[in-house]
Amino acid sequence: MRYAICDMRYAIRDKRSAISELSGALGDLGTLVPLTVALITVNGLPATSVFFGVGVAYLMTGLFYRLPIPVQPLKAVAAIAIARGLPGTAVAAAGWWMGGLLLLFAFADLSRWLDRFFTRPVIRGIQLGLGAMLVRSGLVLASRPQVVPGGEERVIHLASRALPVGWLVAVAALLLLGVALRHRRYLASLFLLAFGGLTALAVGGAGRVLGGIRLGIALPVPALPSTADLLSALVFLVLPQIPLTLGNAVFATVDTAQTYFGPRAHRVTPRNLLTTMGISQLVAALFGGVPVCHGSGGLTAHYRLGARTGAAPLIMGALCLALALFVDGNALPILALIPYPVLGTLLAFVGVQHGLLVRDLRGWEEAGVALTTAFLGFATNNLALGFGGGILLQQSLGLIRWARARRASVRPCGGAL
């Protein structure tokens, strides 16, 4: 713990480092904000419980890993819950299942047995597929008729076509991001979010946006799931999530951390990730919040926008706890200050950067496995199916190589003694 606090103190003493850590800390908002807003508005999860769980998980992550390891809502759980309109109690119940299972995997050290299936080409395919999905999600956010969460639809009419205003905002945000990355990389996300805030006030109306913000203390309330919630969570949410968590939140995150930080990522191991995620799940579930995990895409988001130490997750943890505890239980008006096109621009940028991790692959076999994994995951919108196909292809190629080597080692006997 004292080393993580030292990271924070160093960031504070060094002005540029502090700004870079803050910029990187906010780099994963493109994933966090849309999912949390949807879960709060569609599924009825309490905003206090959602951000309390995320905040505690970020603080624990920063203190333990001392690196910008991200905390995100479980993507499969969130997507299925939103699509099916499941109640928030069922979403929270998934956290009890996931927390228990992940801790079981950690204590049984199952990751050592699973590690042989998650080879580098398969992991690179997961990263490439996730990168493509992030770019697609960014384009979808930029194309929404609503520029700000909860705002009115905004379109402009050119000739006979109606174009979303979000497209213009996204283009402006992309240009600003490009300039910032070229000249002030450590300020990139801060410039982008400042531009987004001004845009939200202009498009959504300053009075309407700011008038909804209310300060006040709100504490999370413990909540226990019913038997029905536990059963529906297991069938609809947990079973589809487990392979995605193992692939992206465990093995791909380990690989991404080692790629970016080398020996500094010695604590980022499959067993440790399973443990911290399991504890985070149980904390979130206890207060009726959203199940959370780590993720390789979020790590790229934090890193590429400036985060280098555990100060970034500590900053995010403090901000999330402030949203949970000090805005009278309603964080949505503050989140409305971040327009969808700005979030989409962040997502698309992170997606491109994450996909570029495949550049270290060598040979047609590695490239074929990675592309198969990425294509199946992207086409089906399910990374679990993608790395399932990648693992199958990888094992098949290994079997073919083994058979060829065995035939080559067998020589017919010939000649007289």
Protein backbone atom coordinates (compact mmCIF):
# COMPACT_ATOMS: atom_id res chain seq x y z
CA MET A 1 0.00 0.00 0.00
CA ARG A 2 2.77 2.46 0.90
CA TYR A 3 4.31 2.05 -2.59
CA ALA A 4 1.04 2.98 -4.29
CA ILE A 5 0.75 6.05 -2.04
CA CYS A 6 4.32 6.93 -3.05
CA ASP A 7 3.24 6.76 -6.71
CA MET A 8 0.46 9.21 -5.90
CA ARG A 9 2.81 11.56 -4.03
CA TYR A 10 5.31 11.45 -6.90
CA ALA A 11 2.56 12.28 -9.38
CA ILE A 12 1.48 15.22 -7.23
CA ARG A 13 5.03 16.60 -6.90
CA ASP A 14 5.70 16.32 -10.63
CA LYS A 15 3.14 18.59 -12.30
CA ARG A 16 3.41 17.02 -15.72
CA SER A 17 3.26 13.50 -14.27
CA ALA A 18 0.17 14.41 -12.23
CA ILE A 19 -1.64 15.77 -15.28
CA SER A 20 -0.61 12.73 -17.33
CA GLU A 21 -1.94 10.35 -14.66
CA LEU A 22 -5.22 12.30 -14.50
CA SER A 23 -5.51 12.22 -18.29
CA GLY A 24 -4.83 8.49 -18.37
CA ALA A 25 -7.19 7.84 -15.47
CA LEU A 26 -10.08 9.27 -17.52
CA GLY A 27 -9.09 7.38 -20.66
CA ASP A 28 -11.49 4.46 -20.12
CA LEU A 29 -14.64 6.56 -19.72
CA GLY A 30 -15.70 5.50 -23.22
CA THR A 31 -16.43 2.03 -21.83
CA LEU A 32 -17.46 2.88 -18.28
CA VAL A 33 -19.97 5.69 -18.87
CA PRO A 34 -22.24 4.18 -21.58
CA LEU A 35 -22.59 0.85 -19.75
CA THR A 36 -23.25 2.37 -16.33
CA VAL A 37 -25.76 4.88 -17.71
CA ALA A 38 -27.65 2.09 -19.49
CA LEU A 39 -27.63 -0.20 -16.43
CA ILE A 40 -28.91 2.62 -14.21
CA THR A 41 -31.64 3.83 -16.58
CA VAL A 42 -32.75 0.55 -18.22
CA ASN A 43 -32.17 -2.01 -15.45
CA GLY A 44 -32.76 0.20 -12.45
CA LEU A 45 -29.46 -0.27 -10.61
CA PRO A 46 -28.92 2.41 -7.95
CA ALA A 47 -26.29 4.91 -9.11
CA THR A 48 -24.83 5.04 -5.59
CA SER A 49 -24.31 1.28 -5.51
CA VAL A 50 -22.90 1.16 -9.05
CA PHE A 51 -20.22 3.80 -8.54
CA PHE A 52 -19.45 2.70 -4.98
CA GLY A 53 -18.54 -0.79 -6.21
CA VAL A 54 -16.49 0.57 -9.12
CA GLY A 55 -14.72 3.07 -6.84
CA VAL A 56 -13.75 0.49 -4.22
CA ALA A 57 -12.49 -1.87 -6.94
CA TYR A 58 -10.37 0.89 -8.51
CA LEU A 59 -8.82 1.80 -5.15
CA MET A 60 -8.00 -1.82 -4.37
CA THR A 61 -6.53 -2.30 -7.86
CA GLY A 62 -4.32 0.76 -7.66
CA LEU A 63 -3.02 -0.11 -4.20
CA PHE A 64 -2.19 -3.70 -5.10
CA TYR A 65 -0.89 -3.60 -8.69
CA ARG A 66 0.61 -0.07 -8.69
CA LEU A 67 -0.22 0.06 -12.40
CA PRO A 68 -3.20 1.50 -14.33
CA ILE A 69 -5.16 -1.75 -14.32
CA PRO A 70 -8.75 -0.88 -15.30
CA VAL A 71 -12.08 -1.67 -13.67
CA GLN A 72 -15.06 -2.12 -15.98
CA PRO A 73 -18.58 -3.53 -15.80
CA LEU A 74 -18.73 -7.13 -17.02
CA LYS A 75 -19.46 -6.61 -20.70
CA ALA A 76 -21.43 -9.77 -21.46
CA VAL A 77 -23.46 -9.38 -18.26
CA ALA A 78 -24.20 -5.73 -19.06
CA ALA A 79 -25.04 -6.33 -22.72
CA ILE A 80 -27.39 -9.25 -22.02
CA ALA A 81 -29.04 -7.52 -19.06
CA ILE A 82 -29.67 -4.37 -21.09
CA ALA A 83 -30.96 -6.30 -24.12
CA ARG A 84 -33.32 -8.47 -22.03
CA GLY A 85 -34.34 -5.70 -19.65
CA LEU A 86 -33.46 -7.81 -16.59
CA PRO A 87 -34.03 -6.19 -13.18
CA GLY A 88 -31.08 -4.71 -11.34
CA THR A 89 -31.43 -7.33 -8.62
CA ALA A 90 -30.61 -10.05 -11.17
CA VAL A 91 -27.58 -8.09 -12.40
CA ALA A 92 -26.31 -7.74 -8.83
CA ALA A 93 -26.96 -11.45 -8.24
CA ALA A 94 -24.54 -12.24 -11.07
CA GLY A 95 -21.83 -10.64 -8.93
CA TRP A 96 -22.33 -13.23 -6.19
CA TRP A 97 -21.89 -16.07 -8.70
CA MET A 98 -18.92 -14.48 -10.47
CA GLY A 99 -17.18 -13.53 -7.22
CA GLY A 100 -17.46 -17.04 -5.83
CA LEU A 101 -16.41 -18.73 -9.07
CA LEU A 102 -13.41 -16.46 -9.69
CA LEU A 103 -12.13 -16.94 -6.14
CA LEU A 104 -12.58 -20.68 -6.57
CA PHE A 105 -10.57 -20.57 -9.80
CA ALA A 106 -7.86 -18.56 -8.00
CA PHE A 107 -7.59 -20.81 -4.95
CA ALA A 108 -7.59 -23.97 -7.11
CA ASP A 109 -5.00 -22.28 -9.36
CA LEU A 110 -6.90 -23.38 -12.46
CA SER A 111 -5.17 -20.67 -14.48
CA ARG A 112 -2.00 -22.80 -14.67
CA TRP A 113 -3.98 -25.54 -16.44
CA LEU A 114 -5.82 -23.11 -18.71
CA ASP A 115 -2.69 -21.16 -19.63
CA ARG A 116 -1.63 -23.67 -22.30
CA PHE A 117 -4.78 -22.96 -24.31
CA PHE A 118 -4.30 -19.19 -24.34
CA THR A 119 -1.25 -18.94 -26.57
CA ARG A 120 0.09 -15.63 -27.85
CA PRO A 121 -1.70 -15.85 -31.26
CA VAL A 122 -5.03 -16.56 -29.52
CA ILE A 123 -4.52 -13.67 -27.10
CA ARG A 124 -3.51 -11.34 -29.94
CA GLY A 125 -6.67 -12.40 -31.76
CA ILE A 126 -8.75 -11.54 -28.70
CA GLN A 127 -7.07 -8.14 -28.55
CA LEU A 128 -7.60 -7.51 -32.27
CA GLY A 129 -11.24 -8.60 -32.11
CA LEU A 130 -11.85 -6.44 -29.05
CA GLY A 131 -10.17 -3.51 -30.77
CA ALA A 132 -12.47 -3.88 -33.79
CA MET A 133 -15.51 -4.10 -31.49
CA LEU A 134 -14.43 -0.94 -29.67
CA VAL A 135 -14.11 0.94 -32.96
CA ARG A 136 -17.58 -0.25 -33.98
CA SER A 137 -19.03 0.78 -30.62
CA GLY A 138 -17.41 4.18 -31.01
CA LEU A 139 -19.07 4.68 -34.40
CA VAL A 140 -22.42 3.61 -32.94
CA LEU A 141 -22.10 6.14 -30.11
CA ALA A 142 -21.17 8.92 -32.53
CA SER A 143 -24.21 8.08 -34.70
CA ARG A 144 -26.78 8.33 -31.89
CA PRO A 145 -29.43 11.01 -32.49
CA GLN A 146 -28.97 12.12 -28.86
CA VAL A 147 -25.72 14.02 -28.43
CA VAL A 148 -25.83 13.94 -24.61
CA PRO A 149 -27.31 11.25 -22.34
CA GLY A 150 -30.96 12.06 -21.70
CA GLY A 151 -30.94 14.95 -24.17
CA GLU A 152 -33.07 15.68 -27.20
CA GLU A 153 -32.40 14.27 -30.66
CA ARG A 154 -30.23 16.58 -32.72
CA VAL A 155 -29.93 16.30 -36.50
CA ILE A 156 -29.02 18.60 -39.35
CA HIS A 157 -30.63 18.47 -42.78
CA LEU A 158 -28.37 18.44 -45.82
CA ALA A 159 -30.28 18.27 -49.10
CA SER A 160 -32.70 15.37 -48.57
CA ARG A 161 -30.74 13.64 -45.80
CA ALA A 162 -30.82 14.07 -42.03
CA LEU A 163 -27.42 13.66 -40.43
CA PRO A 164 -26.84 13.30 -36.67
CA VAL A 165 -25.15 16.32 -35.11
CA GLY A 166 -23.03 13.76 -33.25
CA TRP A 167 -21.10 13.10 -36.45
CA LEU A 168 -19.90 16.71 -36.57
CA VAL A 169 -19.02 16.61 -32.87
CA ALA A 170 -17.13 13.33 -33.38
CA VAL A 171 -15.12 14.76 -36.29
CA ALA A 172 -14.21 17.83 -34.25
CA ALA A 173 -13.29 15.62 -31.27
CA LEU A 174 -11.14 13.40 -33.48
CA LEU A 175 -9.25 16.41 -34.88
CA LEU A 176 -8.73 17.78 -31.38
CA LEU A 177 -7.51 14.39 -30.16
CA GLY A 178 -5.06 14.14 -33.07
CA VAL A 179 -3.60 17.58 -32.35
CA ALA A 180 -3.36 16.86 -28.63
CA LEU A 181 -1.65 13.52 -29.20
CA ARG A 182 0.86 15.16 -31.50
CA HIS A 183 1.76 18.09 -29.26
CA ARG A 184 0.43 17.43 -25.73
CA ARG A 185 -0.17 13.69 -25.40
CA TYR A 186 -0.35 13.88 -21.62
CA LEU A 187 -3.27 16.33 -21.91
CA ALA A 188 -5.18 14.48 -24.65
CA SER A 189 -8.16 13.11 -22.73
CA LEU A 190 -8.44 16.29 -20.63
CA PHE A 191 -8.69 18.43 -23.79
CA LEU A 192 -11.24 16.04 -25.21
CA LEU A 193 -13.40 15.98 -22.07
CA ALA A 194 -13.24 19.78 -21.73
CA PHE A 195 -14.43 20.06 -25.33
CA GLY A 196 -17.16 17.54 -24.55
CA GLY A 197 -18.33 19.50 -21.51
CA LEU A 198 -18.61 22.72 -23.48
CA THR A 199 -20.45 20.89 -26.26
CA ALA A 200 -22.88 19.33 -23.78
CA LEU A 201 -23.66 22.71 -22.25
CA ALA A 202 -24.18 24.25 -25.70
CA VAL A 203 -26.27 21.44 -27.18
CA GLY A 204 -28.09 20.24 -24.08
CA GLY A 205 -28.62 23.66 -22.52
CA ALA A 206 -26.50 24.84 -19.61
CA GLY A 207 -29.51 25.40 -17.36
CA ARG A 208 -31.01 21.98 -17.97
CA VAL A 209 -27.72 20.09 -17.61
CA LEU A 210 -26.34 21.92 -14.59
CA GLY A 211 -29.74 22.32 -12.95
CA GLY A 212 -30.08 18.58 -12.46
CA ILE A 213 -26.95 18.33 -10.31
CA ARG A 214 -27.77 18.05 -6.61
CA LEU A 215 -25.21 17.71 -3.85
CA GLY A 216 -25.98 15.54 -0.86
CA ILE A 217 -24.82 12.47 1.02
CA ALA A 218 -26.08 9.09 -0.23
CA LEU A 219 -24.82 5.82 1.25
CA PRO A 220 -25.02 2.40 -0.43
CA VAL A 221 -27.47 -0.03 1.15
CA PRO A 222 -26.68 -3.76 1.47
CA ALA A 223 -28.95 -5.94 -0.65
CA LEU A 224 -29.29 -9.72 -0.78
CA PRO A 225 -30.62 -11.47 -3.92
CA SER A 226 -33.64 -13.73 -4.04
CA THR A 227 -33.49 -17.34 -5.21
CA ALA A 228 -35.20 -16.37 -8.46
CA ASP A 229 -32.62 -13.66 -9.13
CA LEU A 230 -29.78 -16.08 -8.48
CA LEU A 231 -31.22 -18.65 -10.89
CA SER A 232 -31.87 -16.18 -13.71
CA ALA A 233 -28.43 -14.61 -13.21
CA LEU A 234 -26.70 -17.99 -13.49
CA VAL A 235 -28.53 -19.02 -16.67
CA PHE A 236 -28.67 -15.73 -18.58
CA LEU A 237 -25.65 -13.77 -17.33
CA VAL A 238 -22.94 -15.84 -15.64
CA LEU A 239 -22.48 -18.78 -18.02
CA PRO A 240 -21.95 -16.54 -21.10
CA GLN A 241 -19.59 -14.29 -19.14
CA ILE A 242 -17.09 -16.82 -17.73
CA PRO A 243 -15.15 -17.60 -20.95
CA LEU A 244 -15.00 -13.90 -21.85
CA THR A 245 -13.64 -13.06 -18.40
CA LEU A 246 -10.95 -15.73 -18.62
CA GLY A 247 -9.91 -14.70 -22.12
CA ASN A 248 -9.97 -10.90 -21.95
CA ALA A 249 -9.93 -9.95 -18.28
CA VAL A 250 -7.30 -12.51 -17.23
CA PHE A 251 -4.94 -13.82 -19.90
CA ALA A 252 -5.19 -10.90 -22.35
CA THR A 253 -4.77 -8.42 -19.50
CA VAL A 254 -1.63 -10.23 -18.29
CA ASP A 255 -0.18 -10.12 -21.81
CA THR A 256 -1.07 -6.45 -22.32
CA ALA A 257 0.42 -5.44 -18.96
CA GLN A 258 3.66 -7.29 -19.72
CA THR A 259 3.81 -5.67 -23.16
CA TYR A 260 3.46 -2.15 -21.76
CA PHE A 261 5.28 -2.42 -18.42
CA GLY A 262 7.63 -5.42 -18.62
CA PRO A 263 9.06 -6.43 -15.20
CA ARG A 264 6.91 -3.80 -13.45
CA ALA A 265 3.89 -6.00 -14.21
CA HIS A 266 5.17 -8.87 -12.02
CA ARG A 267 2.04 -8.71 -9.85
CA VAL A 268 -0.28 -8.92 -12.83
CA THR A 269 -0.70 -12.70 -12.90
CA PRO A 270 -3.77 -14.79 -13.73
CA ARG A 271 -4.17 -15.88 -10.11
CA ASN A 272 -3.93 -12.34 -8.76
CA LEU A 273 -6.38 -10.99 -11.34
CA LEU A 274 -8.87 -13.73 -10.49
CA THR A 275 -8.51 -12.87 -6.81
CA THR A 276 -8.93 -9.11 -7.10
CA MET A 277 -11.86 -9.52 -9.49
CA GLY A 278 -13.49 -12.05 -7.19
CA ILE A 279 -13.24 -9.74 -4.19
CA SER A 280 -14.47 -6.78 -6.25
CA GLN A 281 -17.47 -8.79 -7.45
CA LEU A 282 -18.51 -9.66 -3.91
CA VAL A 283 -18.15 -6.07 -2.68
CA ALA A 284 -20.28 -4.79 -5.57
CA ALA A 285 -22.86 -7.55 -5.12
CA LEU A 286 -23.19 -6.90 -1.38
CA PHE A 287 -24.48 -3.39 -2.11
CA GLY A 288 -26.53 -4.24 -5.20
CA GLY A 289 -24.03 -2.81 -7.68
CA VAL A 290 -22.82 -3.90 -11.09
CA PRO A 291 -20.34 -6.82 -11.37
CA VAL A 292 -16.94 -5.56 -12.47
CA CYS A 293 -13.76 -6.97 -13.96
CA HIS A 294 -10.42 -5.91 -15.39
CA GLY A 295 -9.81 -5.79 -19.15
CA SER A 296 -7.03 -5.52 -21.70
CA GLY A 297 -8.80 -2.79 -23.69
CA GLY A 298 -9.19 -0.62 -20.61
CA LEU A 299 -5.50 -1.04 -19.84
CA THR A 300 -4.66 0.24 -23.31
CA ALA A 301 -7.03 3.18 -22.75
CA HIS A 302 -5.34 4.20 -19.51
CA TYR A 303 -1.82 3.65 -20.86
CA ARG A 304 -2.17 5.33 -24.27
CA LEU A 305 -3.67 8.46 -22.71
CA GLY A 306 -0.91 8.94 -20.16
CA ALA A 307 -1.29 6.64 -17.12
CA ARG A 308 1.88 4.89 -15.97
CA THR A 309 1.44 4.16 -12.24
CA GLY A 310 -1.11 3.16 -9.63
CA ALA A 311 -2.01 6.84 -9.20
CA ALA A 312 -4.42 6.62 -12.14
CA PRO A 313 -6.72 3.95 -10.64
CA LEU A 314 -6.56 5.75 -7.28
CA ILE A 315 -7.78 8.92 -9.00
CA MET A 316 -10.58 7.03 -10.73
CA GLY A 317 -11.52 5.32 -7.48
CA ALA A 318 -11.79 8.65 -5.69
CA LEU A 319 -13.88 10.16 -8.51
CA CYS A 320 -16.25 7.17 -8.57
CA LEU A 321 -16.70 7.26 -4.81
CA ALA A 322 -17.46 10.98 -5.03
CA LEU A 323 -20.12 10.25 -7.66
CA ALA A 324 -21.53 7.54 -5.43
CA LEU A 325 -21.60 9.38 -2.12
CA PHE A 326 -21.88 13.13 -2.72
CA VAL A 327 -24.42 13.79 -5.51
CA ASP A 328 -27.57 12.77 -3.64
CA GLY A 329 -27.74 9.38 -5.33
CA ASN A 330 -28.03 10.75 -8.87
CA ALA A 331 -24.83 10.83 -10.92
CA LEU A 332 -26.56 11.01 -14.32
CA PRO A 333 -26.63 14.84 -14.65
CA ILE A 334 -22.83 14.91 -14.22
CA LEU A 335 -22.35 12.09 -16.73
CA ALA A 336 -24.53 14.08 -19.17
CA LEU A 337 -21.59 16.50 -19.44
CA ILE A 338 -19.79 13.88 -21.57
CA PRO A 339 -21.45 13.70 -25.02
CA TYR A 340 -21.83 10.37 -26.77
CA PRO A 341 -19.64 11.42 -29.76
CA VAL A 342 -16.74 12.23 -27.40
CA LEU A 343 -17.09 8.85 -25.72
CA GLY A 344 -17.24 7.27 -29.17
CA THR A 345 -14.04 9.04 -30.22
CA LEU A 346 -12.24 7.74 -27.12
CA LEU A 347 -13.51 4.21 -27.80
CA ALA A 348 -12.45 4.25 -31.45
CA PHE A 349 -8.97 5.57 -30.59
CA VAL A 350 -8.46 2.91 -27.93
CA GLY A 351 -9.75 0.23 -30.32
CA VAL A 352 -7.19 1.12 -32.97
CA GLN A 353 -4.35 1.22 -30.43
CA HIS A 354 -5.41 -2.09 -28.92
CA GLY A 355 -5.64 -3.81 -32.28
CA LEU A 356 -2.07 -2.75 -33.11
CA LEU A 357 -0.76 -5.17 -30.49
CA VAL A 358 -0.89 -7.88 -33.18
CA ARG A 359 2.14 -6.38 -34.90
CA ASP A 360 4.56 -8.70 -33.10
CA LEU A 361 3.10 -11.89 -34.63
CA ARG A 362 5.35 -13.87 -36.97
CA GLY A 363 4.45 -16.37 -39.68
CA TRP A 364 1.23 -17.35 -41.37
CA GLU A 365 0.17 -19.79 -38.65
CA GLU A 366 0.24 -17.19 -35.87
CA ALA A 367 -1.45 -14.63 -38.11
CA GLY A 368 -4.09 -17.15 -39.18
CA VAL A 369 -4.97 -18.08 -35.60
CA ALA A 370 -5.15 -14.43 -34.56
CA LEU A 371 -7.28 -13.38 -37.55
CA THR A 372 -9.64 -16.34 -37.06
CA THR A 373 -10.07 -15.48 -33.40
CA ALA A 374 -10.65 -11.80 -34.17
CA PHE A 375 -13.03 -12.40 -37.08
CA LEU A 376 -15.24 -14.87 -35.20
CA GLY A 377 -15.38 -12.65 -32.15
CA PHE A 378 -16.18 -9.54 -34.17
CA ALA A 379 -18.69 -11.20 -36.52
CA THR A 380 -20.64 -12.86 -33.70
CA ASN A 381 -20.12 -9.98 -31.24
CA ASN A 382 -18.95 -12.67 -28.81
CA LEU A 383 -15.25 -12.91 -27.97
CA ALA A 384 -15.89 -16.22 -26.21
CA LEU A 385 -16.81 -17.81 -29.54
CA GLY A 386 -13.84 -16.09 -31.13
CA PHE A 387 -11.19 -17.47 -28.84
CA GLY A 388 -12.97 -20.82 -28.82
CA GLY A 389 -12.44 -20.96 -32.59
CA GLY A 390 -8.88 -19.70 -32.21
CA ILE A 391 -8.03 -22.36 -29.63
CA LEU A 392 -9.52 -25.06 -31.87
CA LEU A 393 -7.46 -23.90 -34.85
CA GLN A 394 -4.31 -23.59 -32.73
CA GLN A 395 -4.67 -27.12 -31.38
CA SER A 396 -5.44 -28.49 -34.86
CA LEU A 397 -2.29 -26.91 -36.28
CA GLY A 398 -0.27 -28.32 -33.40
CA LEU A 399 -1.70 -31.78 -34.06
CA ILE A 400 -0.79 -31.52 -37.76
CA ARG A 401 2.79 -30.52 -36.89
CA TRP A 402 3.03 -33.42 -34.45
CA ALA A 403 1.78 -35.90 -37.06
CA ARG A 404 4.26 -34.63 -39.64
CA ALA A 405 7.14 -34.86 -37.20
CA ARG A 406 6.14 -38.38 -36.25
CA ARG A 407 6.03 -39.52 -39.90
CA ALA A 408 9.40 -37.90 -40.57
CA SER A 409 10.95 -39.73 -37.62
CA VAL A 410 9.81 -43.14 -38.91
CA ARG A 411 12.30 -44.53 -41.50
CA PRO A 412 11.76 -47.84 -43.32
CA CYS A 413 14.34 -50.45 -42.49
CA GLY A 414 16.44 -51.48 -45.47
CA GLY A 415 19.66 -53.23 -46.42
CA ALA A 416 21.23 -56.47 -45.20
CA LEU A 417 22.76 -56.93 -41.80
